[in-house]
Protein backbone atom coordinates (compact mmCIF):
# COMPACT_ATOMS: atom_id res chain seq x y z
CA MET A 1 27.72 -0.14 21.82
CA ALA A 2 30.47 -0.94 24.29
CA ASP A 3 29.04 1.51 26.83
CA VAL A 4 26.03 -0.76 27.49
CA LEU A 5 26.80 -2.58 30.73
CA VAL A 6 25.46 -6.07 30.08
CA PRO A 7 27.65 -8.72 31.76
CA PRO A 8 29.39 -11.05 29.28
CA GLU A 9 27.74 -14.13 30.79
CA ILE A 10 24.29 -12.60 30.21
CA THR A 11 25.22 -11.76 26.64
CA GLN A 12 26.33 -15.34 26.04
CA GLU A 13 23.18 -16.72 27.62
CA VAL A 14 20.91 -14.49 25.53
CA THR A 15 22.84 -15.42 22.39
CA GLN A 16 22.20 -19.11 23.05
CA ILE A 17 18.53 -18.59 23.95
CA LEU A 18 17.82 -16.54 20.81
CA SER A 19 19.66 -19.05 18.64
CA ASN A 20 17.47 -21.82 20.06
CA LEU A 21 14.31 -19.81 19.40
CA VAL A 22 14.85 -19.95 15.64
CA LEU A 23 15.53 -23.70 15.52
CA GLY A 24 13.02 -26.09 14.00
CA ASP A 25 13.06 -28.48 16.98
CA ASN A 26 9.85 -27.83 18.94
CA ALA A 27 11.26 -29.07 22.25
CA ILE A 28 14.34 -26.84 22.06
CA ARG A 29 12.27 -23.87 20.96
CA SER A 30 9.73 -24.38 23.77
CA SER A 31 12.54 -24.57 26.30
CA ALA A 32 14.00 -21.33 24.95
CA GLU A 33 10.63 -19.59 25.14
CA LYS A 34 10.30 -20.64 28.78
CA ALA A 35 13.81 -19.37 29.47
CA VAL A 36 12.95 -15.95 27.98
CA ASN A 37 9.82 -15.65 30.11
CA ASP A 38 11.67 -16.75 33.24
CA ARG A 39 14.52 -14.26 32.73
CA LEU A 40 12.15 -11.40 32.01
CA GLU A 41 10.19 -12.27 35.13
CA GLN A 42 13.31 -12.02 37.27
CA THR A 43 15.40 -9.21 35.71
CA PRO A 44 13.48 -7.62 32.81
CA GLU A 45 15.74 -4.62 32.32
CA LEU A 46 18.97 -6.58 31.99
CA TYR A 47 17.61 -9.14 29.54
CA LEU A 48 15.75 -6.60 27.39
CA LEU A 49 18.93 -4.57 27.06
CA ALA A 50 20.83 -7.77 26.24
CA ILE A 51 18.36 -8.57 23.45
CA ALA A 52 18.62 -5.01 22.15
CA GLN A 53 22.40 -5.18 22.21
CA PHE A 54 22.32 -8.51 20.37
CA ALA A 55 20.28 -6.79 17.63
CA THR A 56 23.31 -4.63 16.89
CA SER A 57 26.05 -7.22 17.34
CA ALA A 58 24.73 -10.53 15.94
CA ASP A 59 26.72 -11.87 13.00
CA THR A 60 23.77 -12.58 10.69
CA GLU A 61 20.97 -10.44 9.32
CA LEU A 62 18.50 -13.12 10.36
CA MET A 63 19.44 -12.95 14.03
CA ARG A 64 19.58 -9.15 14.12
CA SER A 65 16.14 -8.97 12.50
CA PHE A 66 14.72 -11.63 14.79
CA SER A 67 16.08 -9.86 17.88
CA LEU A 68 14.39 -6.60 16.86
CA VAL A 69 11.05 -8.30 16.23
CA LEU A 70 11.26 -10.13 19.55
CA LEU A 71 12.24 -6.96 21.40
CA ARG A 72 9.24 -5.09 20.00
CA ARG A 73 6.83 -7.86 20.92
CA LEU A 74 8.19 -8.22 24.42
CA LEU A 75 8.25 -4.49 25.17
CA PHE A 76 4.65 -3.90 24.22
CA ARG A 77 3.11 -7.25 25.03
CA PRO A 78 -0.35 -6.59 26.50
CA PRO A 79 -0.11 -6.46 30.29
CA SER A 80 -1.76 -9.04 32.50
CA THR A 81 -4.11 -8.13 35.30
CA GLN A 82 -1.23 -8.44 37.76
CA ARG A 83 1.57 -6.79 35.82
CA LEU A 84 2.24 -3.80 33.58
CA ALA A 85 3.66 -4.06 30.08
CA LEU A 86 7.43 -4.54 30.22
CA TYR A 87 8.06 -1.03 28.91
CA ASP A 88 6.18 0.41 31.89
CA GLN A 89 8.37 -1.60 34.27
CA LEU A 90 11.61 -0.08 32.98
CA SER A 91 13.46 2.62 34.87
CA GLY A 92 14.36 5.94 33.28
CA PRO A 93 18.03 5.00 32.81
CA ALA A 94 17.08 1.66 31.24
CA ILE A 95 14.76 3.36 28.77
CA ALA A 96 17.48 5.87 27.90
CA THR A 97 19.96 3.04 27.29
CA LEU A 98 17.45 1.15 25.16
CA GLU A 99 16.80 4.25 23.09
CA ARG A 100 20.53 4.78 22.61
CA ILE A 101 21.00 1.22 21.34
CA LEU A 102 18.15 1.57 18.87
CA LEU A 103 19.40 4.93 17.61
CA HIS A 104 22.77 3.29 16.96
CA SER A 105 21.10 0.49 14.99
CA LEU A 106 18.97 2.96 13.05
CA LEU A 107 22.01 4.92 11.92
CA HIS A 108 24.63 2.20 11.50
CA GLU A 109 22.80 -1.01 10.51
CA PRO A 110 24.26 -1.93 7.09
CA ALA A 111 21.51 -4.29 5.87
CA PRO A 112 18.37 -2.51 4.56
CA VAL A 113 16.06 -5.35 5.60
CA VAL A 114 17.35 -5.22 9.19
CA ARG A 115 17.18 -1.44 9.23
CA HIS A 116 13.51 -1.68 8.29
CA MET A 117 13.01 -3.84 11.38
CA THR A 118 14.83 -1.21 13.43
CA VAL A 119 12.50 1.44 12.04
CA ASP A 120 9.46 -0.59 13.12
CA THR A 121 10.84 -1.01 16.62
CA VAL A 122 11.87 2.64 16.87
CA THR A 123 8.50 3.96 15.71
CA ASP A 124 6.60 1.70 18.08
CA LEU A 125 8.81 2.80 20.97
CA SER A 126 8.44 6.47 20.02
CA ASN A 127 4.66 6.28 19.76
CA TYR A 128 4.37 4.35 23.02
CA SER A 129 6.65 6.82 24.78
CA MET A 130 4.63 9.75 23.43
CA LYS A 131 1.44 8.26 24.86
CA ARG A 132 3.22 8.10 28.21
CA GLY A 133 4.18 11.77 27.97
CA ARG A 134 7.82 11.02 27.29
CA PRO A 135 8.79 12.45 23.87
CA TRP A 136 11.96 11.03 22.33
CA HIS A 137 13.86 14.21 21.46
CA ALA A 138 17.07 12.45 20.50
CA LEU A 139 15.20 10.45 17.85
CA GLN A 140 13.75 13.62 16.35
CA SER A 141 17.12 15.32 15.96
CA GLN A 142 18.80 12.18 14.60
CA VAL A 143 16.11 11.48 12.01
CA PHE A 144 16.20 15.04 10.70
CA ALA A 145 19.95 14.65 10.24
CA MET A 146 19.45 11.29 8.52
CA ALA A 147 17.01 12.85 6.04
CA ASP A 148 19.93 15.00 4.80
CA SER A 149 22.36 12.09 4.54
CA SER A 150 24.21 11.34 1.32
CA ASP A 151 23.38 7.64 1.77
CA VAL A 152 20.07 6.62 0.18
CA HIS A 153 19.35 3.87 2.71
CA THR A 154 19.80 6.32 5.56
CA ARG A 155 17.43 8.80 3.92
CA GLU A 156 14.87 6.07 3.30
CA ALA A 157 15.04 5.01 6.95
CA ALA A 158 14.46 8.62 8.04
CA TYR A 159 11.29 8.97 5.99
CA ARG A 160 10.10 5.57 7.14
CA VAL A 161 10.39 6.85 10.71
CA PHE A 162 8.44 10.00 9.79
CA ALA A 163 5.74 7.78 8.29
CA GLY A 164 5.56 5.60 11.39
CA CYS A 165 5.48 8.45 13.91
CA PRO A 166 4.38 11.73 12.28
CA ASN A 167 4.35 13.32 15.74
CA LEU A 168 8.08 13.86 15.26
CA ILE A 169 7.37 16.63 12.76
CA MET A 170 3.98 17.90 13.88
CA ASP A 171 5.44 20.58 16.15
CA LEU A 172 7.33 22.27 13.29
CA GLN A 173 6.09 25.15 11.17
CA THR A 174 4.02 23.92 8.21
CA GLU A 175 6.46 25.36 5.68
CA ALA A 176 9.36 23.50 7.27
CA ILE A 177 7.43 20.22 7.25
CA LEU A 178 6.44 20.63 3.61
CA SER A 179 10.03 21.39 2.68
CA ILE A 180 11.33 18.23 4.35
CA LEU A 181 8.66 16.01 2.79
CA GLN A 182 8.95 17.56 -0.65
CA LYS A 183 12.70 16.99 -0.61
CA GLY A 184 12.09 13.29 -0.10
CA LEU A 185 9.34 13.15 -2.72
CA GLN A 186 11.74 14.62 -5.27
CA ASP A 187 14.75 12.47 -4.36
CA GLN A 188 16.70 11.99 -7.57
CA GLN A 189 18.60 8.88 -6.54
CA SER A 190 16.10 6.47 -5.04
CA THR A 191 12.56 5.35 -5.76
CA ASP A 192 12.49 3.81 -2.27
CA VAL A 193 13.19 7.20 -0.69
CA ARG A 194 10.36 8.74 -2.71
CA LEU A 195 8.00 5.96 -1.64
CA ALA A 196 8.96 6.34 2.03
CA SER A 197 8.45 10.09 1.76
CA LEU A 198 5.06 9.54 0.13
CA ARG A 199 4.04 7.36 3.07
CA ALA A 200 5.30 10.03 5.45
CA SER A 201 3.32 12.70 3.56
CA VAL A 202 0.13 10.64 3.78
CA ALA A 203 0.70 10.07 7.49
CA PHE A 204 1.27 13.81 8.01
CA LEU A 205 -1.85 14.88 6.09
CA SER A 206 -3.94 12.23 7.81
CA ALA A 207 -2.87 13.54 11.21
CA LEU A 208 -4.16 17.04 10.42
CA ASP A 209 -7.69 18.29 10.92
CA PRO A 210 -9.48 19.77 7.85
CA GLY A 211 -8.51 23.32 8.79
CA GLN A 212 -4.84 22.41 9.04
CA GLN A 213 -4.99 20.41 5.81
CA ALA A 214 -6.00 23.57 3.97
CA HIS A 215 -2.55 25.01 4.72
CA ALA A 216 -0.77 21.92 3.40
CA LEU A 217 -2.59 21.39 0.10
CA SER A 218 0.49 22.31 -1.91
CA LEU A 219 2.04 19.01 -0.79
CA MET A 220 -0.38 17.15 -3.07
CA TYR A 221 1.45 18.33 -6.18
CA PRO A 222 4.82 16.71 -5.42
CA MET A 223 3.01 13.68 -4.01
CA LEU A 224 1.15 13.04 -7.26
CA ASN A 225 4.16 14.02 -9.28
CA THR A 226 5.97 10.94 -7.99
CA LEU A 227 3.83 8.83 -10.36
CA PRO A 228 4.58 9.78 -13.98
CA ALA A 229 8.33 9.15 -14.04
CA LEU A 230 8.09 5.75 -12.33
CA PRO A 231 8.73 2.50 -14.20
CA ARG A 232 5.36 0.76 -14.43
CA ALA A 233 6.54 -2.08 -12.22
CA ARG A 234 7.08 0.40 -9.36
CA LEU A 235 3.66 2.06 -9.63
CA PRO A 236 1.53 -0.35 -7.51
CA PRO A 237 2.95 0.55 -4.07
CA PHE A 238 2.73 4.27 -4.84
CA LEU A 239 -0.88 3.87 -5.97
CA ALA A 240 -1.67 1.84 -2.85
CA VAL A 241 -0.37 4.61 -0.58
CA LEU A 242 -2.42 7.23 -2.43
CA THR A 243 -5.47 4.96 -2.29
CA GLU A 244 -5.21 4.95 1.50
CA LEU A 245 -5.30 8.76 1.48
CA ALA A 246 -8.15 8.83 -1.05
CA ALA A 247 -10.30 6.61 1.17
CA ALA A 248 -9.88 8.83 4.22
CA HIS A 249 -9.51 12.31 2.71
CA PRO A 250 -10.92 12.36 -0.83
CA LEU A 251 -11.33 16.14 -0.96
CA LEU A 252 -7.56 16.51 -1.06
CA PHE A 253 -7.75 15.18 -4.63
CA ARG A 254 -10.50 17.53 -5.87
CA ALA A 255 -8.16 19.94 -7.67
CA HIS A 256 -6.21 17.07 -9.22
CA VAL A 257 -9.04 15.06 -10.79
CA PRO A 258 -8.36 16.38 -14.34
CA ALA A 259 -4.68 15.44 -14.09
CA LEU A 260 -5.55 12.02 -12.67
CA LEU A 261 -8.06 11.47 -15.45
CA ALA A 262 -5.33 12.19 -18.00
CA PHE A 263 -2.86 9.76 -16.41
CA LEU A 264 -4.74 6.80 -14.92
CA PRO A 265 -6.61 5.50 -18.02
CA ALA A 266 -3.28 4.54 -19.64
CA LEU A 267 -2.70 2.25 -16.65
CA LEU A 268 -6.19 0.81 -16.41
CA LEU A 269 -6.99 0.24 -20.06
CA PRO A 270 -4.88 -1.93 -22.38
CA ALA A 271 -2.13 0.14 -23.90
CA VAL A 272 -2.49 -0.84 -27.58
CA ASP A 273 -5.26 -1.58 -30.05
CA ALA A 274 -5.44 -5.35 -30.26
CA GLY A 275 -8.59 -5.78 -32.30
CA PRO A 276 -11.97 -6.79 -30.86
CA THR A 277 -12.10 -6.40 -27.09
CA PRO A 278 -14.94 -6.05 -24.58
CA THR A 279 -15.02 -2.31 -25.29
CA VAL A 280 -13.99 -2.55 -28.96
CA ALA A 281 -11.16 0.02 -28.84
CA ARG A 282 -8.27 0.46 -26.47
CA PRO A 283 -7.41 4.14 -26.13
CA ASN A 284 -4.05 5.34 -24.89
CA PRO A 285 -4.66 8.68 -23.13
CA ALA A 286 -1.91 11.18 -22.55
CA GLY A 287 0.01 11.47 -19.30
CA PHE A 288 -0.18 14.11 -16.60
CA ALA A 289 -0.08 17.72 -17.68
CA PHE A 290 2.56 18.64 -15.16
CA PRO A 291 5.49 16.21 -15.76
CA PRO A 292 8.08 17.23 -18.37
CA PRO A 293 7.06 16.25 -21.92
CA GLY A 294 8.68 13.03 -23.05
CA ALA A 295 9.39 11.79 -19.54
CA ASN A 296 9.71 8.02 -19.40
CA GLY A 297 7.69 6.03 -16.91
CA GLY A 298 4.13 5.11 -16.22
CA GLY A 299 2.38 7.53 -18.53
CA GLY A 300 2.53 5.74 -21.84
CA GLY A 301 4.28 3.46 -24.29
CA LYS A 302 4.65 -0.28 -24.04
CA ALA A 303 4.19 -1.30 -20.47
CA GLU A 304 7.02 -2.90 -18.62
CA GLY A 305 6.20 -6.57 -18.33
CA GLU A 306 4.10 -6.61 -21.51
CA GLY A 307 5.24 -9.10 -24.09
CA GLU A 308 5.64 -8.49 -27.79
CA ASP A 309 2.34 -10.24 -28.43
CA GLY A 310 0.54 -7.89 -26.05
CA ALA A 311 0.04 -10.53 -23.37
CA VAL A 312 -0.44 -9.05 -19.93
CA SER A 313 2.18 -10.10 -17.39
CA GLY A 314 1.83 -10.43 -13.66
CA GLU A 315 3.46 -7.04 -13.12
CA GLU A 316 1.05 -5.40 -15.55
CA ASP A 317 -1.86 -7.05 -13.73
CA GLU A 318 -0.75 -5.33 -10.54
CA VAL A 319 -0.47 -1.96 -12.24
CA ARG A 320 -3.99 -2.24 -13.66
CA LYS A 321 -5.43 -3.41 -10.35
CA GLY A 322 -3.66 -0.58 -8.53
CA ALA A 323 -5.13 2.06 -10.85
CA LEU A 324 -8.56 0.43 -10.63
CA GLU A 325 -8.52 0.32 -6.83
CA PHE A 326 -7.50 3.96 -6.60
CA MET A 327 -10.24 5.17 -8.95
CA THR A 328 -12.88 2.95 -7.35
CA THR A 329 -11.93 3.96 -3.83
CA LEU A 330 -11.97 7.67 -4.66
CA SER A 331 -15.38 7.22 -6.30
CA GLU A 332 -16.72 5.51 -3.18
CA ALA A 333 -15.21 8.04 -0.80
CA LYS A 334 -16.70 11.10 -2.52
CA PRO A 335 -19.28 10.14 -5.18
CA SER A 336 -20.59 13.68 -5.59
CA MET A 337 -17.10 14.91 -6.51
CA LEU A 338 -16.74 12.47 -9.41
CA ARG A 339 -20.23 11.61 -10.59
CA GLY A 340 -20.35 14.59 -12.94
CA VAL A 341 -16.71 14.55 -14.07
CA GLU A 342 -16.73 13.89 -17.78
CA GLY A 343 -14.92 10.68 -18.62
CA TRP A 344 -14.24 9.43 -15.07
CA VAL A 345 -17.08 6.91 -14.80
CA ASN A 346 -16.70 5.87 -18.41
CA ILE A 347 -13.02 5.00 -17.93
CA VAL A 348 -13.60 2.95 -14.79
CA VAL A 349 -16.55 1.08 -16.34
CA ARG A 350 -14.59 0.36 -19.52
CA GLY A 351 -11.62 -0.82 -17.51
CA CYS A 352 -13.81 -3.18 -15.50
CA LEU A 353 -15.45 -4.63 -18.60
CA GLU A 354 -12.08 -5.13 -20.27
CA GLY A 355 -10.76 -7.01 -17.26
CA MET A 356 -13.88 -9.12 -16.78
CA GLY A 357 -13.52 -10.53 -20.29
CA GLU A 358 -9.90 -11.58 -19.82
CA ILE A 359 -10.08 -15.10 -18.46
CA PRO A 360 -6.58 -16.38 -19.26
CA GLU A 361 -6.33 -19.16 -21.83
CA ASP A 362 -4.57 -21.36 -19.26
CA ASP A 363 -7.62 -21.15 -16.99
CA THR A 364 -10.30 -21.77 -19.61
CA GLU A 365 -10.40 -25.58 -19.41
CA ALA A 366 -10.48 -25.60 -15.60
CA TRP A 367 -13.18 -22.93 -15.63
CA LEU A 368 -15.41 -24.87 -18.03
CA GLU A 369 -15.12 -28.12 -16.07
CA ALA A 370 -15.60 -26.60 -12.61
CA ASP A 371 -18.66 -26.57 -10.42
CA PRO A 372 -20.19 -23.07 -10.89
CA ALA A 373 -20.32 -22.73 -7.10
CA GLU A 374 -16.55 -23.33 -6.89
CA ASP A 375 -15.03 -21.15 -9.59
CA PRO A 376 -11.32 -22.09 -9.84
CA THR A 377 -10.45 -18.62 -11.13
CA ASP A 378 -12.09 -16.93 -8.14
CA ASP A 379 -8.79 -15.45 -6.97
CA THR A 380 -7.73 -14.15 -10.38
CA TYR A 381 -8.04 -10.57 -11.43
CA PRO A 382 -11.23 -10.71 -13.58
CA HIS A 383 -13.10 -11.04 -10.29
CA THR A 384 -11.34 -7.95 -9.02
CA TYR A 385 -12.86 -6.04 -11.92
CA GLU A 386 -16.30 -7.51 -11.31
CA HIS A 387 -16.20 -6.51 -7.65
CA ALA A 388 -14.99 -3.02 -8.56
CA LEU A 389 -17.90 -2.60 -10.99
CA ASP A 390 -20.32 -3.57 -8.22
CA ARG A 391 -18.71 -1.06 -5.84
CA LEU A 392 -18.80 1.69 -8.46
CA ALA A 393 -22.49 1.10 -9.19
CA CYS A 394 -23.40 1.17 -5.50
CA ALA A 395 -21.41 4.38 -5.00
CA LEU A 396 -22.44 6.38 -8.05
CA GLY A 397 -25.86 4.94 -8.88
CA GLY A 398 -27.61 3.89 -12.06
CA GLY A 399 -27.79 7.32 -13.66
CA ALA A 400 -24.00 7.50 -13.82
CA VAL A 401 -23.04 3.86 -14.41
CA LEU A 402 -25.71 2.40 -16.69
CA PRO A 403 -25.12 4.59 -19.78
CA PRO A 404 -21.40 3.80 -20.16
CA ALA A 405 -21.96 0.16 -19.17
CA PHE A 406 -24.65 -0.44 -21.77
CA ALA A 407 -22.64 1.34 -24.40
CA PHE A 408 -20.54 -1.86 -24.41
CA ILE A 409 -22.54 -4.69 -22.78
CA PRO A 410 -24.85 -5.40 -25.79
CA ALA A 411 -21.84 -5.89 -28.09
CA MET A 412 -20.25 -8.17 -25.49
CA LEU A 413 -23.41 -10.28 -25.27
CA ALA A 414 -23.45 -10.58 -29.06
CA SER A 415 -19.80 -11.65 -29.28
CA HIS A 416 -18.74 -15.05 -30.62
CA ASP A 417 -16.23 -15.26 -27.73
CA TRP A 418 -17.92 -17.02 -24.81
CA ARG A 419 -15.69 -15.16 -22.36
CA LEU A 420 -17.05 -11.81 -23.50
CA ARG A 421 -20.63 -13.04 -23.36
CA HIS A 422 -19.96 -14.35 -19.85
CA ALA A 423 -18.40 -11.01 -18.87
CA GLY A 424 -21.41 -9.13 -20.23
CA LEU A 425 -23.83 -11.24 -18.20
CA MET A 426 -21.71 -10.91 -15.06
CA ALA A 427 -21.52 -7.16 -15.60
CA ILE A 428 -25.31 -6.92 -15.57
CA ALA A 429 -25.38 -8.90 -12.33
CA ALA A 430 -22.60 -6.77 -10.83
CA ILE A 431 -24.30 -3.44 -11.42
CA ALA A 432 -27.82 -4.66 -10.60
CA GLU A 433 -27.74 -3.77 -6.89
CA GLY A 434 -26.51 -0.22 -7.33
CA THR A 435 -28.55 0.58 -10.44
CA SER A 436 -31.77 -1.33 -9.77
CA LYS A 437 -34.10 1.67 -9.80
CA VAL A 438 -32.90 2.88 -13.18
CA MET A 439 -32.39 -0.63 -14.58
CA GLN A 440 -36.01 -1.57 -13.93
CA GLN A 441 -37.10 1.06 -16.44
CA GLU A 442 -35.07 -0.68 -19.17
CA LEU A 443 -35.74 -4.24 -18.07
CA GLY A 444 -37.31 -5.28 -21.37
CA LYS A 445 -34.27 -4.28 -23.39
CA ILE A 446 -31.96 -5.99 -20.91
CA VAL A 447 -33.93 -9.23 -21.12
CA GLU A 448 -33.70 -9.10 -24.94
CA CYS A 449 -29.92 -8.75 -24.70
CA VAL A 450 -29.65 -11.65 -22.27
CA GLU A 451 -31.87 -13.89 -24.41
CA ALA A 452 -29.73 -13.09 -27.46
CA ALA A 453 -26.60 -14.08 -25.57
CA ASP A 454 -28.23 -17.27 -24.31
CA SER A 455 -29.16 -18.31 -27.84
CA ARG A 456 -25.53 -18.35 -29.00
């Protein structure tokens, strides 16, 4: 960016100040912070452009990343009562120069981690400019070109920008938008591109009103079709993005509930029959109807991260929790859509009961010796399942949750494994709030079950 007219002495000064800001010495760092504030007070345009230029020229990824983070914070720092935000103090030519520097970084930054920082800064600047009635047309044209690049990191950056500022594509015809997003969702070379495009698709759909969403429903098919071919270890972030959409716009999933019900249980329930478990059997449902038969990925088989002895790894924990959170969130967001779907509630309840009974062997001694008010396993995933069961009961009610729950709870309470008896008791407590009206009618039977468990 040799065309940026920042005097060499200013560049050297900014280089020294930014280097001091990342040092561990508090005195040096405080002095550098004061220097930044003083320079921005005197000549904000020159020093902001110097920081932006340093973000493209610094020798290390650390300093380029730090410069971008600092630039974003300084530009949009909340204004004081006396002064505007720094962005609002910049002249038109200074803003144009700043945009040109950031576009150069977005396109040419070689390190993916730094380019992600550039994306964050670019999207913040674009959104802020849009609020000020100053659309960034050069960004729009560059990002569309980047989405067609042969370089996967460039394509990923483009879809990250679309996700961060969907306004860049909102003025296009719906068919053109769907074509761009679908191309990213079906990227054959990069899972990261598909994930970025999924985020962009969620941002686009979320920006539409219900009437506009009706014309974009076809996008849901390629969005959901990103799941089946993924390695299990890559599923959690995809599920998290879809969970965000499910919470805000559950009706978009109405037509896809049968396909979801065919795919998600294999993620939530243990994948193989391992003998007695909280729900006795561990089914392995088929995958989605729409991926090609025999496709490898999340739909079945031994899970990535699962040992030969069937032990659940940390990666597998995340997959199960991701599937659970999606199904629970969708149930909460639109209970009437799922309450009568055969198998949906049963799968979530079974998954919760399975997880609640899985206190790891390594935690057992600590759990037994702990004060009940200070459970040492409180941050582990059995509590995630317990909380999800409570949420499900409150959302769907006793009529939907009690029958599948008590198809398994009595056997858990009668188990010789204390962990399963504990899980059964905690399950009753978890569903009590949401199912109290129905549960009261069966209180005698429940008390008998609890007394039987207590006698063991």
